[in-house]
Amino acid sequence: MGIQHTKTDSAALAIEVESLVDSPEPDGIYHDTRECAGALLALGLLLIAPPTPRPKKPSRS
């Protein structure tokens, strides 16, 4: 038993697929490449920076 398709089914499917493919992109946040590179560089510099010095504890003799 095979499934038989008519031309109207194929045409309706083609229209549905085209509407999905041609749909507008959803609103979102798109970042500028230079802006992302600057933020990444700043984050890298923060990670590479030496830790802040801590006060020395008095020796217990």
PDB file of N, CA and C in Angstrom:
ATOM      1  N   MET A   1       0.842  -1.183   0.000  1.00  0.00           N
ATOM      2  CA  MET A   1       0.000   0.000   0.000  1.00  0.00           C
ATOM      3  C   MET A   1       0.881   1.238   0.000  1.00  0.00           C
ATOM      4  N   GLY A   2       0.827   1.984  -1.038  1.00  0.00           N
ATOM      5  CA  GLY A   2       1.622   3.199  -1.136  1.00  0.00           C
ATOM      6  C   GLY A   2       0.756   4.426  -0.938  1.00  0.00           C
ATOM      7  N   ILE A   3       1.378   5.500  -0.546  1.00  0.00           N
ATOM      8  CA  ILE A   3       0.661   6.760  -0.358  1.00  0.00           C
ATOM      9  C   ILE A   3       0.693   7.507  -1.676  1.00  0.00           C
ATOM     10  N   GLN A   4      -0.461   7.924  -2.132  1.00  0.00           N
ATOM     11  CA  GLN A   4      -0.542   8.649  -3.393  1.00  0.00           C
ATOM     12  C   GLN A   4      -0.685  10.143  -3.103  1.00  0.00           C
ATOM     13  N   HIS A   5       0.137  10.948  -3.778  1.00  0.00           N
ATOM     14  CA  HIS A   5       0.095  12.396  -3.633  1.00  0.00           C
ATOM     15  C   HIS A   5      -0.481  12.996  -4.906  1.00  0.00           C
ATOM     16  N   THR A   6      -1.240  14.039  -4.727  1.00  0.00           N
ATOM     17  CA  THR A   6      -1.778  14.737  -5.887  1.00  0.00           C
ATOM     18  C   THR A   6      -0.939  15.981  -6.134  1.00  0.00           C
ATOM     19  N   LYS A   7      -1.172  16.620  -7.259  1.00  0.00           N
ATOM     20  CA  LYS A   7      -0.436  17.840  -7.582  1.00  0.00           C
ATOM     21  C   LYS A   7      -0.757  18.948  -6.593  1.00  0.00           C
ATOM     22  N   THR A   8      -1.994  18.978  -6.098  1.00  0.00           N
ATOM     23  CA  THR A   8      -2.350  20.031  -5.142  1.00  0.00           C
ATOM     24  C   THR A   8      -1.605  19.836  -3.827  1.00  0.00           C
ATOM     25  N   ASP A   9      -1.385  18.590  -3.410  1.00  0.00           N
ATOM     26  CA  ASP A   9      -0.619  18.349  -2.192  1.00  0.00           C
ATOM     27  C   ASP A   9       0.820  18.829  -2.363  1.00  0.00           C
ATOM     28  N   SER A  10       1.402  18.545  -3.506  1.00  0.00           N
ATOM     29  CA  SER A  10       2.773  18.971  -3.780  1.00  0.00           C
ATOM     30  C   SER A  10       2.869  20.487  -3.854  1.00  0.00           C
ATOM     31  N   ALA A  11       1.899  21.107  -4.487  1.00  0.00           N
ATOM     32  CA  ALA A  11       1.904  22.565  -4.606  1.00  0.00           C
ATOM     33  C   ALA A  11       1.737  23.212  -3.237  1.00  0.00           C
ATOM     34  N   ALA A  12       0.855  22.674  -2.408  1.00  0.00           N
ATOM     35  CA  ALA A  12       0.631  23.228  -1.079  1.00  0.00           C
ATOM     36  C   ALA A  12       1.894  23.060  -0.230  1.00  0.00           C
ATOM     37  N   LEU A  13       2.541  21.920  -0.355  1.00  0.00           N
ATOM     38  CA  LEU A  13       3.772  21.674   0.379  1.00  0.00           C
ATOM     39  C   LEU A  13       4.880  22.624  -0.082  1.00  0.00           C
ATOM     40  N   ALA A  14       4.972  22.843  -1.383  1.00  0.00           N
ATOM     41  CA  ALA A  14       5.983  23.753  -1.924  1.00  0.00           C
ATOM     42  C   ALA A  14       5.756  25.173  -1.420  1.00  0.00           C
ATOM     43  N   ILE A  15       4.522  25.613  -1.362  1.00  0.00           N
ATOM     44  CA  ILE A  15       4.199  26.956  -0.868  1.00  0.00           C
ATOM     45  C   ILE A  15       4.554  27.069   0.612  1.00  0.00           C
ATOM     46  N   GLU A  16       4.253  26.036   1.372  1.00  0.00           N
ATOM     47  CA  GLU A  16       4.566  26.057   2.804  1.00  0.00           C
ATOM     48  C   GLU A  16       6.076  26.103   3.047  1.00  0.00           C
ATOM     49  N   VAL A  17       6.818  25.321   2.274  1.00  0.00           N
ATOM     50  CA  VAL A  17       8.275  25.317   2.414  1.00  0.00           C
ATOM     51  C   VAL A  17       8.851  26.672   2.031  1.00  0.00           C
ATOM     52  N   GLU A  18       8.370  27.259   0.937  1.00  0.00           N
ATOM     53  CA  GLU A  18       8.854  28.579   0.518  1.00  0.00           C
ATOM     54  C   GLU A  18       8.560  29.635   1.566  1.00  0.00           C
ATOM     55  N   SER A  19       7.400  29.569   2.213  1.00  0.00           N
ATOM     56  CA  SER A  19       7.074  30.567   3.238  1.00  0.00           C
ATOM     57  C   SER A  19       7.978  30.407   4.455  1.00  0.00           C
ATOM     58  N   LEU A  20       8.363  29.176   4.768  1.00  0.00           N
ATOM     59  CA  LEU A  20       9.283  28.964   5.894  1.00  0.00           C
ATOM     60  C   LEU A  20      10.691  29.436   5.562  1.00  0.00           C
ATOM     61  N   VAL A  21      11.123  29.203   4.342  1.00  0.00           N
ATOM     62  CA  VAL A  21      12.470  29.597   3.925  1.00  0.00           C
ATOM     63  C   VAL A  21      12.579  31.109   3.805  1.00  0.00           C
ATOM     64  N   ASP A  22      11.556  31.757   3.300  1.00  0.00           N
ATOM     65  CA  ASP A  22      11.597  33.194   3.060  1.00  0.00           C
ATOM     66  C   ASP A  22      11.093  34.019   4.240  1.00  0.00           C
ATOM     67  N   SER A  23      10.875  33.411   5.388  1.00  0.00           N
ATOM     68  CA  SER A  23      10.373  34.156   6.542  1.00  0.00           C
ATOM     69  C   SER A  23      11.434  35.146   7.026  1.00  0.00           C
ATOM     70  N   PRO A  24      11.004  36.299   7.528  1.00  0.00           N
ATOM     71  CA  PRO A  24      11.974  37.283   8.012  1.00  0.00           C
ATOM     72  C   PRO A  24      12.686  36.763   9.255  1.00  0.00           C
ATOM     73  N   GLU A  25      13.909  37.238   9.439  1.00  0.00           N
ATOM     74  CA  GLU A  25      14.682  36.816  10.608  1.00  0.00           C
ATOM     75  C   GLU A  25      14.083  37.444  11.863  1.00  0.00           C
ATOM     76  N   PRO A  26      14.078  36.707  12.958  1.00  0.00           N
ATOM     77  CA  PRO A  26      13.535  37.272  14.200  1.00  0.00           C
ATOM     78  C   PRO A  26      14.440  38.378  14.727  1.00  0.00           C
ATOM     79  N   ASP A  27      13.833  39.299  15.457  1.00  0.00           N
ATOM     80  CA  ASP A  27      14.617  40.368  16.069  1.00  0.00           C
ATOM     81  C   ASP A  27      15.552  39.763  17.100  1.00  0.00           C
ATOM     82  N   GLY A  28      16.755  40.233  17.103  1.00  0.00           N
ATOM     83  CA  GLY A  28      17.732  39.704  18.052  1.00  0.00           C
ATOM     84  C   GLY A  28      18.850  40.693  18.251  1.00  0.00           C
ATOM     85  N   ILE A  29      19.821  40.274  19.008  1.00  0.00           N
ATOM     86  CA  ILE A  29      20.970  41.129  19.280  1.00  0.00           C
ATOM     87  C   ILE A  29      22.105  40.668  18.390  1.00  0.00           C
ATOM     88  N   TYR A  30      22.560  41.539  17.537  1.00  0.00           N
ATOM     89  CA  TYR A  30      23.665  41.224  16.647  1.00  0.00           C
ATOM     90  C   TYR A  30      24.845  42.110  17.038  1.00  0.00           C
ATOM     91  N   HIS A  31      25.977  41.518  17.276  1.00  0.00           N
ATOM     92  CA  HIS A  31      27.141  42.250  17.747  1.00  0.00           C
ATOM     93  C   HIS A  31      28.082  42.594  16.590  1.00  0.00           C
ATOM     94  N   ASP A  32      28.724  43.719  16.734  1.00  0.00           N
ATOM     95  CA  ASP A  32      29.743  44.139  15.786  1.00  0.00           C
ATOM     96  C   ASP A  32      31.028  43.362  16.074  1.00  0.00           C
ATOM     97  N   THR A  33      31.718  42.931  15.051  1.00  0.00           N
ATOM     98  CA  THR A  33      32.924  42.118  15.217  1.00  0.00           C
ATOM     99  C   THR A  33      33.998  42.884  15.989  1.00  0.00           C
ATOM    100  N   ARG A  34      34.190  44.158  15.686  1.00  0.00           N
ATOM    101  CA  ARG A  34      35.200  44.955  16.393  1.00  0.00           C
ATOM    102  C   ARG A  34      34.845  45.091  17.871  1.00  0.00           C
ATOM    103  N   GLU A  35      33.553  45.248  18.141  1.00  0.00           N
ATOM    104  CA  GLU A  35      33.096  45.384  19.521  1.00  0.00           C
ATOM    105  C   GLU A  35      33.365  44.085  20.297  1.00  0.00           C
ATOM    106  N   CYS A  36      33.096  42.959  19.670  1.00  0.00           N
ATOM    107  CA  CYS A  36      33.346  41.663  20.314  1.00  0.00           C
ATOM    108  C   CYS A  36      34.842  41.439  20.529  1.00  0.00           C
ATOM    109  N   ALA A  37      35.650  41.821  19.555  1.00  0.00           N
ATOM    110  CA  ALA A  37      37.103  41.642  19.686  1.00  0.00           C
ATOM    111  C   ALA A  37      37.639  42.501  20.824  1.00  0.00           C
ATOM    112  N   GLY A  38      37.152  43.714  20.965  1.00  0.00           N
ATOM    113  CA  GLY A  38      37.577  44.590  22.054  1.00  0.00           C
ATOM    114  C   GLY A  38      37.191  44.032  23.408  1.00  0.00           C
ATOM    115  N   ALA A  39      35.985  43.506  23.516  1.00  0.00           N
ATOM    116  CA  ALA A  39      35.541  42.924  24.784  1.00  0.00           C
ATOM    117  C   ALA A  39      36.352  41.676  25.118  1.00  0.00           C
ATOM    118  N   LEU A  40      36.657  40.885  24.125  1.00  0.00           N
ATOM    119  CA  LEU A  40      37.449  39.679  24.341  1.00  0.00           C
ATOM    120  C   LEU A  40      38.865  40.036  24.779  1.00  0.00           C
ATOM    121  N   LEU A  41      39.440  41.063  24.171  1.00  0.00           N
ATOM    122  CA  LEU A  41      40.780  41.518  24.550  1.00  0.00           C
ATOM    123  C   LEU A  41      40.788  42.030  25.989  1.00  0.00           C
ATOM    124  N   ALA A  42      39.793  42.809  26.367  1.00  0.00           N
ATOM    125  CA  ALA A  42      39.709  43.327  27.733  1.00  0.00           C
ATOM    126  C   ALA A  42      39.571  42.185  28.737  1.00  0.00           C
ATOM    127  N   LEU A  43      38.758  41.208  28.421  1.00  0.00           N
ATOM    128  CA  LEU A  43      38.583  40.057  29.305  1.00  0.00           C
ATOM    129  C   LEU A  43      39.889  39.279  29.432  1.00  0.00           C
ATOM    130  N   GLY A  44      40.605  39.107  28.337  1.00  0.00           N
ATOM    131  CA  GLY A  44      41.886  38.407  28.362  1.00  0.00           C
ATOM    132  C   GLY A  44      42.910  39.140  29.210  1.00  0.00           C
ATOM    133  N   LEU A  45      42.940  40.464  29.109  1.00  0.00           N
ATOM    134  CA  LEU A  45      43.877  41.243  29.920  1.00  0.00           C
ATOM    135  C   LEU A  45      43.551  41.137  31.406  1.00  0.00           C
ATOM    136  N   LEU A  46      42.270  41.074  31.728  1.00  0.00           N
ATOM    137  CA  LEU A  46      41.887  40.911  33.133  1.00  0.00           C
ATOM    138  C   LEU A  46      42.299  39.550  33.669  1.00  0.00           C
ATOM    139  N   LEU A  47      42.190  38.533  32.838  1.00  0.00           N
ATOM    140  CA  LEU A  47      42.563  37.192  33.276  1.00  0.00           C
ATOM    141  C   LEU A  47      44.072  37.029  33.406  1.00  0.00           C
ATOM    142  N   ILE A  48      44.832  37.737  32.582  1.00  0.00           N
ATOM    143  CA  ILE A  48      46.286  37.624  32.591  1.00  0.00           C
ATOM    144  C   ILE A  48      46.912  38.480  33.695  1.00  0.00           C
ATOM    145  N   ALA A  49      46.215  39.528  34.125  1.00  0.00           N
ATOM    146  CA  ALA A  49      46.758  40.455  35.125  1.00  0.00           C
ATOM    147  C   ALA A  49      47.097  39.717  36.422  1.00  0.00           C
ATOM    148  N   PRO A  50      48.205  40.096  37.068  1.00  0.00           N
ATOM    149  CA  PRO A  50      48.567  39.436  38.329  1.00  0.00           C
ATOM    150  C   PRO A  50      47.560  39.785  39.418  1.00  0.00           C
ATOM    151  N   PRO A  51      47.411  38.919  40.407  1.00  0.00           N
ATOM    152  CA  PRO A  51      46.458  39.203  41.482  1.00  0.00           C
ATOM    153  C   PRO A  51      46.930  40.383  42.334  1.00  0.00           C
ATOM    154  N   THR A  52      46.003  41.004  43.011  1.00  0.00           N
ATOM    155  CA  THR A  52      46.370  42.131  43.865  1.00  0.00           C
ATOM    156  C   THR A  52      47.158  41.606  45.065  1.00  0.00           C
ATOM    157  N   PRO A  53      48.182  42.346  45.518  1.00  0.00           N
ATOM    158  CA  PRO A  53      48.978  41.880  46.660  1.00  0.00           C
ATOM    159  C   PRO A  53      48.151  41.906  47.939  1.00  0.00           C
ATOM    160  N   ARG A  54      48.380  40.919  48.783  1.00  0.00           N
ATOM    161  CA  ARG A  54      47.701  40.850  50.070  1.00  0.00           C
ATOM    162  C   ARG A  54      48.674  41.264  51.166  1.00  0.00           C
ATOM    163  N   PRO A  55      48.138  41.838  52.224  1.00  0.00           N
ATOM    164  CA  PRO A  55      49.030  42.234  53.311  1.00  0.00           C
ATOM    165  C   PRO A  55      49.656  40.997  53.951  1.00  0.00           C
ATOM    166  N   LYS A  56      50.913  41.145  54.349  1.00  0.00           N
ATOM    167  CA  LYS A  56      51.620  40.020  54.965  1.00  0.00           C
ATOM    168  C   LYS A  56      51.143  39.833  56.391  1.00  0.00           C
ATOM    169  N   LYS A  57      51.002  38.586  56.768  1.00  0.00           N
ATOM    170  CA  LYS A  57      50.579  38.281  58.132  1.00  0.00           C
ATOM    171  C   LYS A  57      51.808  38.372  59.041  1.00  0.00           C
ATOM    172  N   PRO A  58      51.607  38.873  60.228  1.00  0.00           N
ATOM    173  CA  PRO A  58      52.752  38.937  61.164  1.00  0.00           C
ATOM    174  C   PRO A  58      53.180  37.510  61.534  1.00  0.00           C
ATOM    175  N   SER A  59      54.478  37.300  61.608  1.00  0.00           N
ATOM    176  CA  SER A  59      54.981  35.966  61.942  1.00  0.00           C
ATOM    177  C   SER A  59      54.759  35.679  63.417  1.00  0.00           C
ATOM    178  N   ARG A  60      54.372  34.463  63.709  1.00  0.00           N
ATOM    179  CA  ARG A  60      54.133  34.051  65.097  1.00  0.00           C
ATOM    180  C   ARG A  60      55.352  33.272  65.597  1.00  0.00           C
ATOM    181  N   SER A  61      56.163  33.889  66.384  1.00  0.00           N
ATOM    182  CA  SER A  61      57.356  33.229  66.891  1.00  0.00           C
ATOM    183  C   SER A  61      57.226  32.893  68.345  1.00  0.00           C
TER     184      SER A  61
END
